N, C-alpha and C. Protein backbone atom coordinates (compact mmCIF):
# COMPACT_ATOMS: atom_id res chain seq x y z
N MET A 1 -88.91 57.08 97.85
CA MET A 1 -88.06 55.70 97.34
C MET A 1 -88.38 54.63 97.95
N ALA A 2 -88.54 53.68 96.94
CA ALA A 2 -89.14 52.09 97.38
C ALA A 2 -87.75 51.50 98.44
N THR A 3 -88.08 50.90 99.50
CA THR A 3 -87.50 50.10 100.43
C THR A 3 -86.83 49.00 99.69
N ARG A 4 -85.84 48.44 100.17
CA ARG A 4 -84.96 47.50 99.61
C ARG A 4 -85.81 46.08 99.92
N THR A 5 -86.40 46.19 100.99
CA THR A 5 -87.24 44.95 101.54
C THR A 5 -88.40 44.88 100.80
N SER A 6 -89.31 45.75 100.34
CA SER A 6 -90.08 45.97 99.46
C SER A 6 -90.15 45.71 98.10
N ILE A 7 -88.91 45.76 97.64
CA ILE A 7 -88.70 45.56 96.44
C ILE A 7 -88.13 43.94 96.45
N ASP A 8 -87.40 43.65 97.16
CA ASP A 8 -87.16 42.15 97.72
C ASP A 8 -88.47 41.11 97.78
N GLU A 9 -89.37 41.87 98.42
CA GLU A 9 -90.51 40.99 98.72
C GLU A 9 -91.25 40.71 97.42
N LEU A 10 -91.60 42.02 96.65
CA LEU A 10 -92.10 41.88 95.26
C LEU A 10 -91.26 40.80 94.08
N LEU A 11 -90.19 40.90 93.89
CA LEU A 11 -89.22 40.05 93.49
C LEU A 11 -89.65 38.54 93.83
N THR A 12 -89.77 38.43 95.41
CA THR A 12 -89.95 36.88 95.62
C THR A 12 -91.29 36.59 95.29
N LYS A 13 -92.33 37.70 95.54
CA LYS A 13 -93.78 36.97 94.80
C LYS A 13 -93.74 36.86 93.28
N CYS A 14 -92.87 37.65 92.46
CA CYS A 14 -93.02 37.27 91.00
C CYS A 14 -92.32 35.91 90.82
N GLU A 15 -91.18 35.58 91.49
CA GLU A 15 -90.55 34.36 91.54
C GLU A 15 -91.53 33.13 91.56
N GLN A 16 -92.57 33.40 92.55
CA GLN A 16 -93.35 32.25 93.07
C GLN A 16 -94.41 32.21 92.04
N ALA A 17 -94.73 33.28 91.39
CA ALA A 17 -95.73 33.58 90.78
C ALA A 17 -95.19 32.65 89.20
N ILE A 18 -93.85 32.90 88.89
CA ILE A 18 -93.19 32.29 87.92
C ILE A 18 -93.03 30.68 88.06
N GLU A 19 -93.06 30.41 88.91
CA GLU A 19 -92.72 28.99 89.40
C GLU A 19 -93.91 28.35 89.32
N TYR A 20 -95.06 28.85 89.64
CA TYR A 20 -96.36 28.48 89.62
C TYR A 20 -96.73 28.05 88.26
N ALA A 21 -96.43 29.28 87.33
CA ALA A 21 -96.75 29.12 85.74
C ALA A 21 -96.09 28.10 85.23
N GLU A 22 -95.13 27.84 85.65
CA GLU A 22 -93.80 27.01 84.97
C GLU A 22 -94.40 25.49 85.16
N HIS A 23 -95.12 25.45 86.48
CA HIS A 23 -95.53 24.04 86.91
C HIS A 23 -97.03 23.94 85.96
N GLU A 24 -97.59 24.97 85.86
CA GLU A 24 -98.90 24.92 85.08
C GLU A 24 -98.45 24.38 83.56
N TYR A 25 -97.53 25.07 83.20
CA TYR A 25 -97.20 24.74 81.84
C TYR A 25 -96.68 23.61 81.60
N GLU A 26 -95.93 22.85 82.35
CA GLU A 26 -95.66 21.68 82.18
C GLU A 26 -96.45 20.42 82.34
N GLN A 27 -97.40 20.84 83.43
CA GLN A 27 -98.88 20.14 83.63
C GLN A 27 -99.58 20.07 82.10
N GLY A 28 -99.64 21.26 81.73
CA GLY A 28 -100.30 21.28 80.29
C GLY A 28 -99.81 20.62 79.16
N ALA A 29 -98.55 20.91 79.07
CA ALA A 29 -97.70 20.28 78.15
C ALA A 29 -97.88 18.83 78.14
N MET A 30 -97.58 18.23 79.42
CA MET A 30 -97.56 16.81 79.55
C MET A 30 -98.85 15.84 79.09
N GLN A 31 -99.87 16.88 79.66
CA GLN A 31 -101.49 16.35 79.33
C GLN A 31 -101.74 16.72 78.09
N GLU A 32 -101.30 17.69 77.32
CA GLU A 32 -101.68 18.12 75.73
C GLU A 32 -103.12 18.74 76.21
N HIS A 33 -103.33 19.20 77.16
CA HIS A 33 -104.55 19.90 77.41
C HIS A 33 -104.34 20.94 78.86
N TYR A 34 -105.06 21.89 78.90
CA TYR A 34 -104.80 22.50 80.06
C TYR A 34 -106.35 22.54 80.97
N ASN A 35 -106.06 22.95 82.12
CA ASN A 35 -107.22 23.15 82.98
C ASN A 35 -107.38 24.49 83.01
N SER A 36 -108.45 25.11 82.42
CA SER A 36 -109.11 26.52 81.97
C SER A 36 -109.24 27.39 83.23
N GLU A 37 -109.73 26.61 84.53
CA GLU A 37 -109.74 27.51 85.47
C GLU A 37 -108.26 27.82 85.95
N GLU A 38 -107.33 27.13 86.10
CA GLU A 38 -106.07 27.28 86.36
C GLU A 38 -105.18 27.95 85.54
N PHE A 39 -105.34 27.73 84.66
CA PHE A 39 -104.61 28.59 83.49
C PHE A 39 -105.16 30.15 83.52
N SER A 40 -106.65 30.11 83.83
CA SER A 40 -106.92 31.79 83.76
C SER A 40 -106.29 32.45 85.12
N GLN A 41 -106.10 31.36 86.42
CA GLN A 41 -105.51 32.05 87.56
C GLN A 41 -104.24 32.54 87.70
N VAL A 42 -103.50 31.62 86.86
CA VAL A 42 -101.92 31.71 86.36
C VAL A 42 -101.87 32.72 85.81
N GLN A 43 -102.56 33.30 84.62
CA GLN A 43 -102.41 34.32 83.61
C GLN A 43 -102.84 35.62 84.70
N GLN A 44 -103.94 35.59 85.44
CA GLN A 44 -104.34 36.77 86.23
C GLN A 44 -103.25 37.36 87.20
N LEU A 45 -102.44 36.19 87.77
CA LEU A 45 -101.28 36.18 88.71
C LEU A 45 -100.31 37.00 87.85
N LEU A 46 -99.75 36.32 87.16
CA LEU A 46 -98.73 37.02 86.48
C LEU A 46 -99.08 38.33 85.80
N GLU A 47 -100.41 38.73 85.49
CA GLU A 47 -100.50 40.15 85.05
C GLU A 47 -100.20 41.36 86.45
N GLN A 48 -100.98 40.51 87.42
CA GLN A 48 -101.07 41.19 88.73
C GLN A 48 -99.46 41.55 89.36
N ARG A 49 -98.88 40.59 89.09
CA ARG A 49 -97.33 40.97 89.46
C ARG A 49 -96.88 41.77 88.51
N PHE A 50 -97.08 41.82 87.08
CA PHE A 50 -96.48 42.80 86.24
C PHE A 50 -96.87 44.13 86.47
N GLN A 51 -98.07 44.38 86.87
CA GLN A 51 -98.78 45.71 87.24
C GLN A 51 -98.14 46.03 88.83
N ASP A 52 -98.04 45.04 89.44
CA ASP A 52 -97.08 45.40 90.69
C ASP A 52 -95.81 45.84 90.48
N LEU A 53 -95.11 45.35 89.51
CA LEU A 53 -93.70 45.90 89.06
C LEU A 53 -93.72 47.36 88.54
N ILE A 54 -94.68 47.52 87.62
CA ILE A 54 -94.90 48.72 86.90
C ILE A 54 -94.82 49.80 87.89
N LYS A 55 -96.06 49.64 89.10
CA LYS A 55 -96.08 50.68 90.16
C LYS A 55 -94.93 50.94 91.03
N MET A 56 -94.21 49.74 91.31
CA MET A 56 -92.95 49.94 92.07
C MET A 56 -91.97 50.46 91.39
N GLU A 57 -91.75 50.58 90.44
CA GLU A 57 -90.64 50.94 89.28
C GLU A 57 -90.63 52.44 89.60
N ASN A 58 -91.86 53.06 89.70
CA ASN A 58 -91.79 54.52 89.71
C ASN A 58 -91.11 55.24 90.67
N SER A 59 -90.99 54.40 91.96
CA SER A 59 -90.54 55.09 93.16
C SER A 59 -89.26 54.09 93.56
N SER A 60 -88.40 53.88 92.52
CA SER A 60 -87.17 52.87 92.73
C SER A 60 -85.98 53.66 92.09
N SER A 61 -85.12 53.15 92.78
CA SER A 61 -83.60 53.68 92.11
C SER A 61 -83.11 53.07 90.88
N PRO A 62 -82.22 53.44 90.09
CA PRO A 62 -81.63 53.07 88.72
C PRO A 62 -81.48 51.47 88.88
N GLN A 63 -80.60 51.12 89.81
CA GLN A 63 -80.61 49.75 89.93
C GLN A 63 -81.85 48.93 90.42
N GLN A 64 -82.62 49.18 91.09
CA GLN A 64 -83.77 48.53 91.40
C GLN A 64 -84.70 48.41 90.18
N LYS A 65 -84.78 49.76 89.27
CA LYS A 65 -85.25 49.67 88.03
C LYS A 65 -84.97 48.58 87.12
N GLU A 66 -83.59 48.30 87.08
CA GLU A 66 -83.12 47.43 86.34
C GLU A 66 -83.57 45.78 86.63
N GLN A 67 -83.56 45.65 88.11
CA GLN A 67 -83.94 44.30 88.50
C GLN A 67 -85.43 44.10 88.03
N MET A 68 -86.27 45.23 88.43
CA MET A 68 -87.86 44.73 88.02
C MET A 68 -87.82 44.51 86.68
N TYR A 69 -87.02 45.59 85.75
CA TYR A 69 -87.26 45.27 84.18
C TYR A 69 -87.13 43.81 83.89
N ARG A 70 -85.74 43.25 84.61
CA ARG A 70 -85.58 42.00 83.92
C ARG A 70 -86.76 40.84 84.56
N MET A 71 -87.10 41.36 85.58
CA MET A 71 -88.33 40.41 86.00
C MET A 71 -89.48 40.43 85.28
N ARG A 72 -90.03 41.60 84.91
CA ARG A 72 -90.89 42.02 83.89
C ARG A 72 -90.60 41.17 82.48
N LEU A 73 -89.76 40.90 82.16
CA LEU A 73 -89.19 40.24 81.13
C LEU A 73 -89.49 38.86 81.25
N ARG A 74 -89.26 38.50 82.13
CA ARG A 74 -89.50 36.87 82.62
C ARG A 74 -90.85 36.71 82.60
N LEU A 75 -91.69 37.55 83.24
CA LEU A 75 -92.92 37.47 83.38
C LEU A 75 -93.83 37.48 82.05
N GLN A 76 -93.25 38.35 81.36
CA GLN A 76 -93.76 38.32 80.11
C GLN A 76 -93.50 37.04 79.26
N ASP A 77 -92.30 36.41 79.34
CA ASP A 77 -91.88 35.17 78.63
C ASP A 77 -92.91 34.21 79.01
N ILE A 78 -92.78 33.80 80.28
CA ILE A 78 -93.99 32.88 80.87
C ILE A 78 -95.49 33.09 80.28
N GLN A 79 -95.64 34.24 80.24
CA GLN A 79 -97.19 34.56 79.76
C GLN A 79 -97.40 34.17 78.68
N ASN A 80 -96.18 34.53 77.43
CA ASN A 80 -96.18 33.76 75.96
C ASN A 80 -96.20 32.35 75.98
N ASP A 81 -95.51 31.95 76.47
CA ASP A 81 -95.43 30.43 76.56
C ASP A 81 -96.75 30.13 76.96
N LEU A 82 -97.51 30.33 78.04
CA LEU A 82 -98.57 29.68 78.28
C LEU A 82 -99.71 30.09 76.99
N ILE A 83 -99.36 31.06 76.36
CA ILE A 83 -100.54 31.60 75.36
C ILE A 83 -100.34 30.63 74.20
N LEU A 84 -99.01 30.43 74.04
CA LEU A 84 -98.77 29.64 72.87
C LEU A 84 -99.41 28.03 73.12
N LEU A 85 -98.94 27.94 74.58
CA LEU A 85 -99.47 26.18 74.52
C LEU A 85 -101.11 26.09 74.65
N ARG A 86 -101.80 27.09 75.06
CA ARG A 86 -103.00 27.01 74.79
C ARG A 86 -103.56 27.05 73.29
N ARG A 87 -103.06 27.37 72.45
CA ARG A 87 -103.27 27.26 71.05
C ARG A 87 -103.34 26.03 70.53
């Protein structure tokens, strides 16, 4: 069973990744272009956090699974936003 602390730490890391991605999204939208290197880094970070959630979910309680599911949806949402901005 995953500990509450480990779940909280992972969710905090996910929140930080989302904040970073939102910042990059705003910068790209304002400038009408994006920094390719930073764009790639933020996409990799979001994907890594997504994979971390999946791994942690295997050893979590039903309530924790629900929290992680909602966080995965948020990660996917910002990933999609970034992809659409890049086009």
